[in-house]
Each structure stands twice: as C-alpha cells, then as structure tokens.
Amino acid sequence: MSTTNFINGNKFVLGTNLAWLDDKYDNDFGKNQILNINTPAYADPTHKANLSSYLQDMQKMGIQVVRLWVFEKFEGLLFDDTGSVTGIDQSLVDNLADACSIASKSNLMFYLCLMDTWTIWQDAEPARTTYVNTMNGLITTPAKTNSFLSKAVIPLLTDKRIKNSIFAVDVLNEPEGLDTANTNQEGTYQIDTKISWGQLIEFIITCADSIKKGTNLKVSCGFQHLSGMQKNQNELVDHLDFFDFHMYSDTVVLPDCSSLNLKKPCIIGECGQQTVEWNDDLQLNVTNSFLNTALNKGYAGCFPWYYNYKGFTDLTKNYLSLINNDGSWRPVCNMINKFSQKINSSVQN
C-alpha cells in the first residue's frame, strides 16, 4: 500500500471538519424543498464573511483539507412527486462555488460529503417519516439513485468553479446509521429504515463508480466504525480510491494500517474525545494522540471533529469544538499547528 502523492505530494493529509456553516445544518448553502426553506443562510453576508474568516483561520492552523457536507437532509435537491431528483438548486451550486473560491485563496481544498444519515434519529413526526422514505427511495431504487447522480451530483461536481477545489468526495456519512439491522441500537427513536446493509454497499459502489467516471475525482465513504469499513473492504476496494472511518475515544488505540490489508490508503475522517464535557486538556491529549498515532501507523490522513462556529453558547453541546465561542483558539489548535509544521518539514515521498 502506498500513500505517495495522496495530496500535493504529501503522504499524510491534515484536515478538519466544518460539516455545516454557522449551525445552519440543512440550509447553509442552498434551499431545502423538503423543509420548505427558500433562502439559504449563505445569502446573509454575515455567514459568507464568517466562512472566509474560518477558512483563513484553519489555514493558519496548518489545515490542508476541510470536510464539508453538501446535501444533508436533502438540502439543494429538487424532487418530483415520486421522490426522484429532477435537478439541483442553483443557489447551492453558486454558493458552493463561492466557498471554493474563498478556500482556494487560503490554499485549502474541500472533502465534500454528499449525504448524512443521522437526522432520522432527531426529527419528530411527520418530518421523520418523510425523511426516511425519501432516503430509502434514493438508496434502494436504482432509478432514483441514478436521478440523484445524473441530475444533482455530477452537475455539481463538474462545475468548473467547484471541481478544482475538491480533494475528494465522501458518498455517505456513516452508512451504519441507516442499516435496518442497527436501528434498535442507536438513537432516540426506534426506526425501521427498511434499508439493508447490502443495499447501502451497493449504493456506495454505484455512486463511487458514477462519480469517478463522470468527474475523475477521488471517492470514498466515511464509515462510523473501523468494523463497518472492514466488513466489505474486498468488495469496495476496486471502487473507492481510499478508505475512511471515524473514531471517538479517550484512549486512542489504532491498528497498524498495513495490518488491515486494505490495498488502498486509509484516513480517519472524524475523531475526537468520547467523554461529553468541555475539557481543554482531554481534547488536546486525545487529538494529539490521534494525529501522531495515525501518522506513525501508516494512515494517509486524520481529520479531527470539528472547527465549529463563533457564537455558540452551550459548552457541553459543543465540547468537541476546536475554537472557543469568541473564535479564539483552544489549546488543541496550537498543537495542530505544531503538528502541521512537523509533517510539512519531514520528507513525504
């Protein structure tokens, strides 16, 4: 397995997550037909200015790639009455293109995550059933999957203003969240999504093949657990350009990447402490351990969760934030900056 030239000649990619902008999940860059939200948050100049300041700050920290979500809760997707995708909201395309322009000025690239799975556990009825049924159709019905890809994904990713700023595409955030076999183990609500693990893997493969053929971009899928990634690694290896799994733990124990026999590079697309508390020392120690262990054990990159946004008020809810609520750096940011200097000064070829 070789990770040479994974990005800009580097073998190790230092990233972070800014999944959505200014806590505007599901309408940060585009309209949302499902939720009847007609004005994206990005239309407010304050949010645009904030994004610029966040990206500049991440660049100062030494971050290379920012993981950003696109169609979470179907933001930006246009549907007909059958649940097929008919197109993409142009404001989403234009706003994301603007975000890419801003990122380019800070020498950053985006790792675009297309879909999120976990909101099915958060919504009350009737929105919950609408969400589950729409997601089920896109994943289990080939014609609807193809409509999603041909009418929205490929047009977005081939936009010349966007494509050159994309590091890679993450097809589906944590597919484990939609697996019917897991629905009694996670979340507040007990929901049968009627989506099997096999259907999820087939969806990932179909999306990966379509994106690679239509755009020539790198493609992966961010699994919730190492075990979820490993279950179908032999089936996925010919379709994904690299593997990606997430881990939250106060004690970081990672196997040597070579021992996983993946035959492709592997990154840790999300990581952080497990204990739910605002604790600078714990965050610093855990993140430091994730970054250095991933580097020393042959992984291709590591993306701590998450940059967050200025102005949050609940410290416990935002305990994984890299920044304080006034936008200043928590101690972990200085450590990330020193780590970036270390990997940039080392020979990575």
Protein backbone atom coordinates (compact mmCIF):
# COMPACT_ATOMS: atom_id res chain seq x y z
CA MET A 1 0.00 0.00 0.00
CA SER A 2 1.36 3.40 -0.93
CA THR A 3 0.08 6.83 0.04
CA THR A 4 2.66 8.72 -2.01
CA ASN A 5 1.26 11.83 -3.68
CA PHE A 6 -2.06 11.42 -1.87
CA ILE A 7 -2.38 15.20 -1.99
CA ASN A 8 0.16 17.71 -3.28
CA GLY A 9 2.95 15.15 -2.96
CA ASN A 10 2.25 14.55 0.72
CA LYS A 11 1.71 11.14 2.22
CA PHE A 12 -0.30 12.46 5.19
CA VAL A 13 -3.27 14.83 4.94
CA LEU A 14 -4.11 17.08 7.88
CA GLY A 15 -7.78 18.00 7.78
CA THR A 16 -10.69 19.00 9.93
CA ASN A 17 -14.47 19.04 9.74
CA LEU A 18 -16.65 22.09 9.12
CA ALA A 19 -19.64 19.96 8.26
CA TRP A 20 -22.12 22.85 8.05
CA LEU A 21 -21.80 26.61 8.35
CA ASP A 22 -22.76 28.60 11.47
CA ASP A 23 -25.03 25.88 12.86
CA LYS A 24 -27.26 26.16 9.76
CA TYR A 25 -27.50 22.45 9.16
CA ASP A 26 -29.61 21.62 6.06
CA ASN A 27 -29.84 25.15 4.60
CA ASP A 28 -26.38 26.70 4.91
CA PHE A 29 -25.58 26.92 1.18
CA GLY A 30 -28.83 26.00 -0.55
CA LYS A 31 -32.59 25.99 -0.39
CA ASN A 32 -34.39 22.98 1.06
CA GLN A 33 -37.50 21.80 -0.75
CA ILE A 34 -38.25 19.08 1.81
CA LEU A 35 -38.26 21.61 4.67
CA ASN A 36 -39.76 24.50 2.66
CA ILE A 37 -36.72 26.71 3.31
CA ASN A 38 -36.40 29.08 0.37
CA THR A 39 -33.48 31.27 1.45
CA PRO A 40 -30.05 29.75 2.13
CA ALA A 41 -28.17 31.05 5.15
CA TYR A 42 -25.29 31.99 2.84
CA ALA A 43 -27.46 34.74 1.38
CA ASP A 44 -26.72 36.65 4.60
CA PRO A 45 -23.37 38.46 4.15
CA THR A 46 -22.52 37.68 7.77
CA HIS A 47 -22.33 33.96 7.08
CA LYS A 48 -20.25 34.49 3.97
CA ALA A 49 -17.83 36.67 5.94
CA ASN A 50 -17.70 34.08 8.70
CA LEU A 51 -16.83 31.31 6.27
CA SER A 52 -13.96 33.38 4.93
CA SER A 53 -12.62 34.03 8.42
CA TYR A 54 -12.99 30.37 9.42
CA LEU A 55 -11.08 29.14 6.37
CA GLN A 56 -8.33 31.68 6.87
CA ASP A 57 -8.08 30.60 10.50
CA MET A 58 -7.86 26.92 9.53
CA GLN A 59 -5.11 27.75 7.05
CA LYS A 60 -3.16 29.48 9.84
CA MET A 61 -3.63 26.34 11.91
CA GLY A 62 -1.99 24.28 9.16
CA ILE A 63 -5.12 22.53 7.90
CA GLN A 64 -4.97 21.31 4.29
CA VAL A 65 -8.45 19.86 3.68
CA VAL A 66 -11.86 20.75 5.13
CA ARG A 67 -14.64 18.15 5.19
CA LEU A 68 -17.88 19.91 4.23
CA TRP A 69 -21.36 18.41 3.86
CA VAL A 70 -23.50 19.17 0.79
CA PHE A 71 -26.96 17.55 0.60
CA GLU A 72 -27.57 16.97 4.32
CA LYS A 73 -31.27 16.45 4.88
CA PHE A 74 -31.68 16.88 1.10
CA GLU A 75 -30.54 20.50 1.04
CA GLY A 76 -30.33 21.71 -2.54
CA LEU A 77 -32.09 18.72 -4.11
CA LEU A 78 -35.21 19.21 -6.21
CA PHE A 79 -37.74 16.35 -6.23
CA ASP A 80 -40.83 15.36 -8.18
CA ASP A 81 -43.88 13.79 -6.53
CA THR A 82 -42.40 10.29 -6.79
CA GLY A 83 -39.22 11.14 -4.87
CA SER A 84 -36.95 11.21 -7.91
CA VAL A 85 -34.44 14.03 -8.18
CA THR A 86 -35.23 16.43 -11.01
CA GLY A 87 -32.41 18.89 -10.51
CA ILE A 88 -30.30 20.93 -8.13
CA ASP A 89 -30.93 24.31 -6.56
CA GLN A 90 -28.77 26.79 -8.45
CA SER A 91 -28.16 28.83 -5.31
CA LEU A 92 -26.43 25.81 -3.77
CA VAL A 93 -24.16 25.49 -6.79
CA ASP A 94 -23.35 29.19 -6.88
CA ASN A 95 -22.79 29.46 -3.14
CA LEU A 96 -20.58 26.40 -3.03
CA ALA A 97 -18.62 27.79 -5.97
CA ASP A 98 -18.13 30.97 -3.98
CA ALA A 99 -16.98 28.93 -0.97
CA CYS A 100 -14.48 27.13 -3.22
CA SER A 101 -13.12 30.45 -4.41
CA ILE A 102 -12.62 31.55 -0.82
CA ALA A 103 -10.99 28.23 0.10
CA SER A 104 -8.63 28.48 -2.86
CA LYS A 105 -7.34 31.82 -1.61
CA SER A 106 -6.38 30.08 1.64
CA ASN A 107 -4.81 27.10 -0.20
CA LEU A 108 -7.49 24.78 1.18
CA MET A 109 -9.45 22.02 -0.52
CA PHE A 110 -12.84 20.53 0.35
CA TYR A 111 -13.61 16.90 1.09
CA LEU A 112 -17.28 17.03 0.08
CA CYS A 113 -19.62 14.67 1.93
CA LEU A 114 -22.78 14.21 -0.10
CA MET A 115 -25.29 12.81 2.38
CA ASP A 116 -25.73 12.42 6.15
CA THR A 117 -27.59 9.55 7.80
CA TRP A 118 -28.22 10.61 11.37
CA THR A 119 -31.06 13.14 11.18
CA ILE A 120 -33.56 10.28 11.06
CA TRP A 121 -32.97 9.95 14.81
CA GLN A 122 -33.61 13.62 15.53
CA ASP A 123 -36.80 14.62 13.76
CA ALA A 124 -40.32 14.28 15.13
CA GLU A 125 -43.22 13.10 13.01
CA PRO A 126 -44.26 13.69 10.30
CA ALA A 127 -40.89 15.01 9.14
CA ARG A 128 -39.14 11.86 10.32
CA THR A 129 -41.20 9.57 8.10
CA THR A 130 -40.76 11.91 5.11
CA TYR A 131 -37.01 11.91 5.61
CA VAL A 132 -36.77 8.13 5.98
CA ASN A 133 -38.96 7.43 2.95
CA THR A 134 -37.04 9.88 0.77
CA MET A 135 -33.69 8.44 1.79
CA ASN A 136 -34.97 4.89 1.34
CA GLY A 137 -36.04 5.69 -2.22
CA LEU A 138 -32.72 7.26 -3.18
CA ILE A 139 -30.75 4.31 -1.84
CA THR A 140 -32.88 1.27 -2.68
CA THR A 141 -34.47 2.27 -6.01
CA PRO A 142 -31.94 2.27 -8.87
CA ALA A 143 -33.86 4.79 -10.97
CA LYS A 144 -33.95 7.24 -8.06
CA THR A 145 -30.26 6.66 -7.31
CA ASN A 146 -29.49 7.43 -10.94
CA SER A 147 -31.63 10.58 -10.82
CA PHE A 148 -29.69 11.76 -7.77
CA LEU A 149 -26.39 11.18 -9.55
CA SER A 150 -27.26 12.46 -13.01
CA LYS A 151 -29.43 15.43 -12.04
CA ALA A 152 -27.55 16.71 -8.99
CA VAL A 153 -24.23 15.10 -8.07
CA ILE A 154 -22.48 15.05 -11.45
CA PRO A 155 -23.63 18.56 -12.48
CA LEU A 156 -22.38 19.92 -9.15
CA LEU A 157 -19.02 18.16 -9.26
CA THR A 158 -18.30 19.05 -12.87
CA ASP A 159 -18.90 22.76 -12.36
CA LYS A 160 -15.54 24.31 -13.26
CA ARG A 161 -15.78 26.74 -10.34
CA ILE A 162 -16.02 23.82 -7.91
CA LYS A 163 -14.16 20.82 -9.27
CA ASN A 164 -10.61 22.12 -8.86
CA SER A 165 -11.18 22.79 -5.15
CA ILE A 166 -12.32 19.25 -4.35
CA PHE A 167 -9.88 16.94 -2.63
CA ALA A 168 -12.31 14.02 -2.78
CA VAL A 169 -15.97 13.05 -2.43
CA ASP A 170 -17.39 11.19 0.59
CA VAL A 171 -20.50 9.43 -0.71
CA LEU A 172 -22.38 8.90 2.56
CA ASN A 173 -21.57 9.92 6.12
CA GLU A 174 -21.69 6.86 8.40
CA PRO A 175 -23.89 4.43 6.46
CA GLU A 176 -24.26 2.40 9.66
CA GLY A 177 -26.89 4.96 10.71
CA LEU A 178 -29.29 3.72 8.02
CA ASP A 179 -28.74 -0.02 8.35
CA THR A 180 -32.02 -1.66 9.40
CA ALA A 181 -30.07 -4.19 11.46
CA ASN A 182 -28.73 -1.35 13.64
CA THR A 183 -31.89 0.67 14.15
CA ASN A 184 -32.62 -0.75 17.59
CA GLN A 185 -29.13 0.08 18.84
CA GLU A 186 -28.83 3.79 18.11
CA GLY A 187 -30.76 6.98 18.57
CA THR A 188 -33.78 8.31 20.39
CA TYR A 189 -36.36 6.77 18.06
CA GLN A 190 -36.60 3.14 17.04
CA ILE A 191 -36.99 3.29 13.26
CA ASP A 192 -37.01 0.58 10.65
CA THR A 193 -35.46 2.24 7.61
CA LYS A 194 -36.06 -0.88 5.51
CA ILE A 195 -32.56 -0.39 4.09
CA SER A 196 -30.28 -3.41 4.33
CA TRP A 197 -26.52 -3.28 4.68
CA GLY A 198 -26.19 -4.87 1.26
CA GLN A 199 -28.28 -2.11 -0.30
CA LEU A 200 -26.10 0.51 1.38
CA ILE A 201 -22.94 -1.07 -0.02
CA GLU A 202 -24.49 -1.25 -3.49
CA PHE A 203 -25.46 2.43 -3.25
CA ILE A 204 -21.90 3.37 -2.27
CA ILE A 205 -20.47 1.39 -5.19
CA THR A 206 -22.96 2.85 -7.69
CA CYS A 207 -22.21 6.40 -6.53
CA ALA A 208 -18.46 5.86 -6.49
CA ASP A 209 -18.39 4.40 -9.99
CA SER A 210 -20.60 7.16 -11.38
CA ILE A 211 -18.59 9.96 -9.77
CA LYS A 212 -15.25 8.54 -10.87
CA LYS A 213 -16.48 8.03 -14.42
CA GLY A 214 -18.19 11.40 -14.65
CA THR A 215 -15.64 13.58 -12.86
CA ASN A 216 -12.35 11.68 -12.34
CA LEU A 217 -12.37 12.82 -8.71
CA LYS A 218 -11.24 10.66 -5.79
CA VAL A 219 -14.10 8.94 -3.97
CA SER A 220 -14.50 7.39 -0.53
CA CYS A 221 -17.12 6.73 2.15
CA GLY A 222 -16.82 7.74 5.80
CA PHE A 223 -17.78 4.73 7.90
CA GLN A 224 -18.81 5.19 11.51
CA HIS A 225 -16.59 2.36 12.75
CA LEU A 226 -13.49 0.51 11.67
CA SER A 227 -15.55 -2.69 11.74
CA GLY A 228 -18.14 -1.20 9.37
CA MET A 229 -15.43 -0.29 6.90
CA GLN A 230 -13.82 -3.71 7.11
CA LYS A 231 -16.99 -5.75 6.55
CA ASN A 232 -16.96 -5.10 2.80
CA GLN A 233 -13.44 -3.87 2.16
CA ASN A 234 -12.77 -6.52 -0.50
CA GLU A 235 -15.98 -5.60 -2.30
CA LEU A 236 -15.26 -1.88 -2.08
CA VAL A 237 -11.56 -1.80 -2.84
CA ASP A 238 -11.98 -1.64 -6.63
CA HIS A 239 -14.48 1.23 -6.35
CA LEU A 240 -13.09 3.54 -3.65
CA ASP A 241 -9.85 5.47 -4.03
CA PHE A 242 -9.22 5.35 -0.30
CA PHE A 243 -10.93 4.14 2.85
CA ASP A 244 -12.27 6.33 5.65
CA PHE A 245 -13.52 5.50 9.13
CA HIS A 246 -14.36 7.52 12.24
CA MET A 247 -13.34 7.01 15.85
CA TYR A 248 -14.15 8.72 19.15
CA SER A 249 -12.23 7.56 22.20
CA ASP A 250 -10.41 8.95 25.20
CA THR A 251 -7.77 6.25 24.75
CA VAL A 252 -6.51 6.07 21.17
CA VAL A 253 -5.72 2.56 20.01
CA LEU A 254 -5.26 2.19 16.26
CA PRO A 255 -4.00 -0.93 14.47
CA ASP A 256 -1.15 -0.53 12.02
CA CYS A 257 -2.75 0.47 8.75
CA SER A 258 -0.76 -2.19 6.91
CA SER A 259 -2.34 -4.88 9.11
CA LEU A 260 -5.79 -4.02 7.72
CA ASN A 261 -4.80 -5.28 4.26
CA LEU A 262 -6.88 -2.59 2.59
CA LYS A 263 -4.80 -2.32 -0.60
CA LYS A 264 -5.71 1.37 -0.66
CA PRO A 265 -4.83 4.37 1.55
CA CYS A 266 -6.98 4.97 4.63
CA ILE A 267 -7.78 8.16 6.52
CA ILE A 268 -9.55 8.85 9.80
CA GLY A 269 -12.26 11.22 8.61
CA GLU A 270 -13.57 12.10 12.07
CA CYS A 271 -12.02 11.72 15.51
CA GLY A 272 -12.15 13.18 18.99
CA GLN A 273 -12.67 12.53 22.66
CA GLN A 274 -15.52 10.29 23.81
CA THR A 275 -16.28 11.94 27.14
CA VAL A 276 -19.01 14.54 26.79
CA GLU A 277 -17.51 17.53 28.59
CA TRP A 278 -15.69 20.74 27.78
CA ASN A 279 -12.17 19.78 28.77
CA ASP A 280 -9.22 21.51 27.11
CA ASP A 281 -6.63 19.07 28.45
CA LEU A 282 -8.56 15.97 27.39
CA GLN A 283 -9.23 17.37 23.92
CA LEU A 284 -5.59 18.33 23.48
CA ASN A 285 -4.24 14.95 24.60
CA VAL A 286 -6.73 12.89 22.60
CA THR A 287 -6.29 14.88 19.38
CA ASN A 288 -2.53 14.83 19.72
CA SER A 289 -2.66 11.06 20.17
CA PHE A 290 -4.94 10.59 17.14
CA LEU A 291 -2.77 12.69 14.85
CA ASN A 292 0.56 11.20 15.85
CA THR A 293 -0.68 7.62 16.09
CA ALA A 294 -2.31 7.89 12.65
CA LEU A 295 0.89 9.32 11.21
CA ASN A 296 3.15 6.73 12.83
CA LYS A 297 0.94 3.78 11.95
CA GLY A 298 0.74 4.48 8.25
CA TYR A 299 -2.62 6.19 7.79
CA ALA A 300 -2.98 8.68 4.95
CA GLY A 301 -4.61 11.44 6.96
CA CYS A 302 -6.59 12.49 10.02
CA PHE A 303 -9.49 14.94 10.37
CA PRO A 304 -10.39 15.99 13.96
CA TRP A 305 -14.05 16.84 14.55
CA TYR A 306 -14.70 19.83 14.30
CA TYR A 307 -13.89 23.51 13.72
CA ASN A 308 -17.41 24.73 14.72
CA TYR A 309 -18.51 28.38 14.58
CA LYS A 310 -18.35 31.61 16.56
CA GLY A 311 -21.14 32.49 18.95
CA PHE A 312 -22.21 29.12 20.33
CA THR A 313 -23.44 29.21 23.94
CA ASP A 314 -23.72 25.63 25.18
CA LEU A 315 -20.23 24.39 26.07
CA THR A 316 -21.33 20.81 26.71
CA LYS A 317 -23.13 20.54 23.37
CA ASN A 318 -20.08 21.99 21.62
CA TYR A 319 -17.41 20.19 23.64
CA LEU A 320 -15.60 18.96 20.51
CA SER A 321 -15.21 22.47 19.09
CA LEU A 322 -11.65 23.41 18.13
CA ILE A 323 -12.38 27.07 18.84
CA ASN A 324 -13.82 28.99 21.77
CA ASN A 325 -17.16 30.71 21.33
CA ASP A 326 -15.41 34.01 20.57
CA GLY A 327 -13.48 32.38 17.74
CA SER A 328 -10.16 32.21 19.58
CA TRP A 329 -8.11 29.02 19.59
CA ARG A 330 -8.47 26.39 22.26
CA PRO A 331 -5.12 24.83 23.27
CA VAL A 332 -5.63 21.98 20.79
CA CYS A 333 -5.23 24.42 17.87
CA ASN A 334 -1.66 25.30 18.80
CA MET A 335 -0.86 21.60 18.94
CA ILE A 336 -2.40 21.07 15.49
CA ASN A 337 -0.31 23.95 14.17
CA LYS A 338 2.89 22.39 15.54
CA PHE A 339 1.89 19.02 14.09
CA SER A 340 1.37 20.61 10.67
CA GLN A 341 4.83 22.13 10.83
CA LYS A 342 6.25 18.71 11.66
CA ILE A 343 4.65 16.90 8.75
CA ASN A 344 5.45 19.71 6.34
CA SER A 345 9.12 19.76 7.31
CA SER A 346 9.52 15.99 7.05
CA VAL A 347 10.27 14.28 3.75
CA GLN A 348 6.99 12.80 2.48
CA ASN A 349 7.87 10.80 -0.57
